[in-house]
Amino acid sequence: MKDGHYTYKTGGRVCASEIAFDIVEGRIYNIVFQGGCAGNTSGVSFLADGMPAEDVVKRLKGVPCHNGTSCPNELAQAIEKVLLENV
């Protein structure tokens, strides 16, 4: 997997409009949500920081909130997209 800084637009189905994060040696760092519920998004950011990318996807993919998705689920989708693009 390629190290780098990534930005993901959520598509408007959740309160956060964008998620930025870094991947370094397969681990997720510096997660920043633009918008969203501050407590939820900061909690997710702190908990996921330093975790292997695949583990973040496994833990957060499918977490519901409204409109069939959630900010944690959108983070999982963003990371999964990066993983698939860098196979």
N, C-alpha and C. Protein backbone atom coordinates (compact mmCIF):
# COMPACT_ATOMS: atom_id res chain seq x y z
N MET A 1 0.84 -1.17 0.00
CA MET A 1 0.00 0.00 0.00
C MET A 1 0.89 1.24 0.00
N LYS A 2 0.45 2.21 -0.74
CA LYS A 2 1.21 3.45 -0.89
C LYS A 2 0.93 4.41 0.27
N ASP A 3 2.00 4.86 0.91
CA ASP A 3 1.84 5.87 1.97
C ASP A 3 1.39 7.18 1.34
N GLY A 4 0.59 7.95 2.09
CA GLY A 4 0.19 9.25 1.58
C GLY A 4 -0.93 9.86 2.38
N HIS A 5 -1.31 11.05 1.94
CA HIS A 5 -2.43 11.79 2.52
C HIS A 5 -3.61 11.63 1.57
N TYR A 6 -4.76 11.31 2.10
CA TYR A 6 -5.95 11.05 1.28
C TYR A 6 -7.12 11.89 1.77
N THR A 7 -7.94 12.31 0.82
CA THR A 7 -9.14 13.08 1.12
C THR A 7 -10.31 12.40 0.42
N TYR A 8 -11.41 12.23 1.14
CA TYR A 8 -12.58 11.53 0.63
C TYR A 8 -13.81 12.41 0.82
N LYS A 9 -14.54 12.67 -0.25
CA LYS A 9 -15.80 13.41 -0.18
C LYS A 9 -16.90 12.40 0.13
N THR A 10 -17.73 12.69 1.12
CA THR A 10 -18.71 11.71 1.58
C THR A 10 -19.96 11.62 0.71
N GLY A 11 -20.26 12.59 -0.09
CA GLY A 11 -21.43 12.52 -0.96
C GLY A 11 -22.72 13.04 -0.34
N GLY A 12 -22.65 13.61 0.86
CA GLY A 12 -23.80 14.30 1.42
C GLY A 12 -24.82 13.46 2.15
N ARG A 13 -24.57 12.17 2.35
CA ARG A 13 -25.54 11.35 3.08
C ARG A 13 -25.30 11.34 4.58
N VAL A 14 -24.18 11.94 5.01
CA VAL A 14 -23.87 12.05 6.44
C VAL A 14 -23.57 13.51 6.76
N CYS A 15 -23.45 13.81 8.03
CA CYS A 15 -23.21 15.20 8.45
C CYS A 15 -21.82 15.70 8.04
N ALA A 16 -20.83 14.82 8.03
CA ALA A 16 -19.48 15.21 7.60
C ALA A 16 -19.44 15.26 6.08
N SER A 17 -18.84 16.31 5.54
CA SER A 17 -18.78 16.45 4.08
C SER A 17 -17.50 15.86 3.49
N GLU A 18 -16.47 15.73 4.33
CA GLU A 18 -15.19 15.26 3.83
C GLU A 18 -14.41 14.62 4.97
N ILE A 19 -13.57 13.64 4.62
CA ILE A 19 -12.71 12.99 5.60
C ILE A 19 -11.30 12.96 5.03
N ALA A 20 -10.34 13.42 5.81
CA ALA A 20 -8.94 13.38 5.40
C ALA A 20 -8.19 12.49 6.39
N PHE A 21 -7.19 11.79 5.88
CA PHE A 21 -6.39 10.91 6.73
C PHE A 21 -5.08 10.59 6.03
N ASP A 22 -4.13 10.10 6.83
CA ASP A 22 -2.85 9.67 6.30
C ASP A 22 -2.74 8.16 6.47
N ILE A 23 -2.04 7.54 5.54
CA ILE A 23 -1.67 6.13 5.69
C ILE A 23 -0.15 6.08 5.65
N VAL A 24 0.41 5.51 6.72
CA VAL A 24 1.86 5.36 6.84
C VAL A 24 2.13 3.92 7.25
N GLU A 25 2.84 3.21 6.38
CA GLU A 25 3.18 1.81 6.62
C GLU A 25 1.95 0.98 6.97
N GLY A 26 0.84 1.23 6.26
CA GLY A 26 -0.38 0.45 6.44
C GLY A 26 -1.24 0.84 7.62
N ARG A 27 -0.87 1.90 8.31
CA ARG A 27 -1.64 2.36 9.48
C ARG A 27 -2.26 3.72 9.21
N ILE A 28 -3.37 3.97 9.87
CA ILE A 28 -4.14 5.20 9.69
C ILE A 28 -3.75 6.23 10.75
N TYR A 29 -3.53 7.47 10.31
CA TYR A 29 -3.19 8.57 11.22
C TYR A 29 -3.89 9.85 10.79
N ASN A 30 -3.95 10.80 11.71
CA ASN A 30 -4.40 12.17 11.42
C ASN A 30 -5.76 12.24 10.74
N ILE A 31 -6.72 11.53 11.28
CA ILE A 31 -8.07 11.52 10.70
C ILE A 31 -8.77 12.82 11.07
N VAL A 32 -9.29 13.50 10.06
CA VAL A 32 -9.99 14.77 10.28
C VAL A 32 -11.30 14.74 9.49
N PHE A 33 -12.41 14.89 10.20
CA PHE A 33 -13.73 14.98 9.57
C PHE A 33 -14.08 16.45 9.43
N GLN A 34 -14.56 16.85 8.28
CA GLN A 34 -15.10 18.20 8.07
C GLN A 34 -16.60 18.11 8.32
N GLY A 35 -17.05 18.66 9.44
CA GLY A 35 -18.46 18.57 9.82
C GLY A 35 -18.69 17.31 10.62
N GLY A 36 -19.95 17.02 10.84
CA GLY A 36 -20.31 15.85 11.65
C GLY A 36 -20.43 16.21 13.11
N CYS A 37 -20.89 15.25 13.89
CA CYS A 37 -21.03 15.44 15.33
C CYS A 37 -19.64 15.40 15.96
N ALA A 38 -19.24 16.48 16.58
CA ALA A 38 -17.86 16.61 17.09
C ALA A 38 -17.46 15.46 18.01
N GLY A 39 -18.32 15.07 18.92
CA GLY A 39 -17.98 13.98 19.84
C GLY A 39 -17.79 12.67 19.12
N ASN A 40 -18.68 12.36 18.21
CA ASN A 40 -18.60 11.11 17.46
C ASN A 40 -17.36 11.07 16.58
N THR A 41 -17.18 12.11 15.78
CA THR A 41 -16.06 12.08 14.84
C THR A 41 -14.71 12.16 15.54
N SER A 42 -14.61 12.94 16.64
CA SER A 42 -13.33 12.97 17.37
C SER A 42 -13.07 11.64 18.04
N GLY A 43 -14.11 11.04 18.59
CA GLY A 43 -13.93 9.73 19.23
C GLY A 43 -13.45 8.68 18.24
N VAL A 44 -14.07 8.64 17.08
CA VAL A 44 -13.66 7.70 16.04
C VAL A 44 -12.22 7.98 15.62
N SER A 45 -11.89 9.26 15.45
CA SER A 45 -10.53 9.63 15.04
C SER A 45 -9.50 9.17 16.05
N PHE A 46 -9.75 9.42 17.34
CA PHE A 46 -8.80 9.03 18.38
C PHE A 46 -8.67 7.51 18.48
N LEU A 47 -9.79 6.81 18.39
CA LEU A 47 -9.76 5.35 18.52
C LEU A 47 -9.06 4.68 17.34
N ALA A 48 -9.25 5.20 16.14
CA ALA A 48 -8.68 4.58 14.94
C ALA A 48 -7.23 4.99 14.70
N ASP A 49 -6.78 6.07 15.31
CA ASP A 49 -5.42 6.57 15.06
C ASP A 49 -4.37 5.52 15.39
N GLY A 50 -3.54 5.20 14.41
CA GLY A 50 -2.47 4.24 14.60
C GLY A 50 -2.85 2.80 14.31
N MET A 51 -4.12 2.53 14.06
CA MET A 51 -4.57 1.17 13.77
C MET A 51 -4.22 0.77 12.34
N PRO A 52 -4.03 -0.52 12.10
CA PRO A 52 -3.87 -0.98 10.73
C PRO A 52 -5.13 -0.64 9.91
N ALA A 53 -4.92 -0.21 8.69
CA ALA A 53 -6.03 0.21 7.83
C ALA A 53 -7.10 -0.86 7.71
N GLU A 54 -6.69 -2.11 7.51
CA GLU A 54 -7.66 -3.20 7.35
C GLU A 54 -8.52 -3.38 8.60
N ASP A 55 -7.94 -3.18 9.77
CA ASP A 55 -8.69 -3.32 11.02
C ASP A 55 -9.73 -2.22 11.17
N VAL A 56 -9.40 -1.02 10.76
CA VAL A 56 -10.36 0.08 10.83
C VAL A 56 -11.56 -0.25 9.94
N VAL A 57 -11.30 -0.74 8.75
CA VAL A 57 -12.39 -1.10 7.83
C VAL A 57 -13.26 -2.18 8.46
N LYS A 58 -12.65 -3.23 8.99
CA LYS A 58 -13.40 -4.34 9.59
C LYS A 58 -14.29 -3.87 10.74
N ARG A 59 -13.78 -2.96 11.56
CA ARG A 59 -14.53 -2.51 12.74
C ARG A 59 -15.63 -1.51 12.42
N LEU A 60 -15.41 -0.66 11.42
CA LEU A 60 -16.35 0.45 11.20
C LEU A 60 -17.30 0.26 10.02
N LYS A 61 -16.97 -0.65 9.11
CA LYS A 61 -17.82 -0.83 7.93
C LYS A 61 -19.19 -1.33 8.35
N GLY A 62 -20.21 -0.64 7.90
CA GLY A 62 -21.59 -1.03 8.19
C GLY A 62 -22.20 -0.41 9.43
N VAL A 63 -21.45 0.42 10.15
CA VAL A 63 -22.02 1.09 11.32
C VAL A 63 -23.12 2.03 10.84
N PRO A 64 -24.36 1.85 11.34
CA PRO A 64 -25.47 2.68 10.86
C PRO A 64 -25.63 3.97 11.65
N CYS A 65 -26.25 4.95 11.03
CA CYS A 65 -26.68 6.17 11.71
C CYS A 65 -27.99 6.59 11.05
N HIS A 66 -27.89 7.24 9.90
CA HIS A 66 -29.10 7.59 9.14
C HIS A 66 -28.75 7.55 7.66
N ASN A 67 -29.76 7.49 6.83
CA ASN A 67 -29.58 7.42 5.38
C ASN A 67 -28.76 6.21 4.94
N GLY A 68 -28.76 5.15 5.75
CA GLY A 68 -28.07 3.92 5.40
C GLY A 68 -26.57 3.95 5.56
N THR A 69 -26.03 4.96 6.23
CA THR A 69 -24.59 5.04 6.43
C THR A 69 -24.32 5.81 7.72
N SER A 70 -23.07 6.15 7.97
CA SER A 70 -22.67 6.92 9.15
C SER A 70 -21.28 7.49 8.89
N CYS A 71 -20.85 8.40 9.73
CA CYS A 71 -19.49 8.93 9.58
C CYS A 71 -18.44 7.82 9.75
N PRO A 72 -18.57 6.93 10.75
CA PRO A 72 -17.61 5.83 10.84
C PRO A 72 -17.64 4.92 9.60
N ASN A 73 -18.82 4.63 9.09
CA ASN A 73 -18.94 3.81 7.89
C ASN A 73 -18.30 4.51 6.69
N GLU A 74 -18.47 5.81 6.59
CA GLU A 74 -17.85 6.56 5.49
C GLU A 74 -16.33 6.53 5.59
N LEU A 75 -15.79 6.58 6.80
CA LEU A 75 -14.34 6.44 6.98
C LEU A 75 -13.89 5.07 6.49
N ALA A 76 -14.63 4.03 6.87
CA ALA A 76 -14.29 2.68 6.41
C ALA A 76 -14.32 2.60 4.89
N GLN A 77 -15.33 3.20 4.26
CA GLN A 77 -15.41 3.19 2.80
C GLN A 77 -14.24 3.94 2.17
N ALA A 78 -13.85 5.05 2.77
CA ALA A 78 -12.73 5.84 2.25
C ALA A 78 -11.44 5.03 2.29
N ILE A 79 -11.19 4.38 3.42
CA ILE A 79 -9.98 3.58 3.57
C ILE A 79 -10.03 2.38 2.62
N GLU A 80 -11.17 1.75 2.54
CA GLU A 80 -11.31 0.60 1.64
C GLU A 80 -11.04 1.00 0.18
N LYS A 81 -11.51 2.16 -0.20
CA LYS A 81 -11.27 2.65 -1.56
C LYS A 81 -9.76 2.80 -1.81
N VAL A 82 -9.05 3.38 -0.85
CA VAL A 82 -7.60 3.54 -0.99
C VAL A 82 -6.93 2.17 -1.08
N LEU A 83 -7.35 1.23 -0.23
CA LEU A 83 -6.75 -0.10 -0.24
C LEU A 83 -6.96 -0.78 -1.60
N LEU A 84 -8.16 -0.67 -2.15
CA LEU A 84 -8.46 -1.30 -3.43
C LEU A 84 -7.70 -0.66 -4.58
N GLU A 85 -7.51 0.64 -4.51
CA GLU A 85 -6.80 1.37 -5.57
C GLU A 85 -5.30 1.11 -5.54
N ASN A 86 -4.80 0.66 -4.42
CA ASN A 86 -3.35 0.46 -4.26
C ASN A 86 -2.98 -1.02 -4.10
N VAL A 87 -3.74 -1.88 -4.73
CA VAL A 87 -3.45 -3.32 -4.65
C VAL A 87 -2.22 -3.64 -5.46
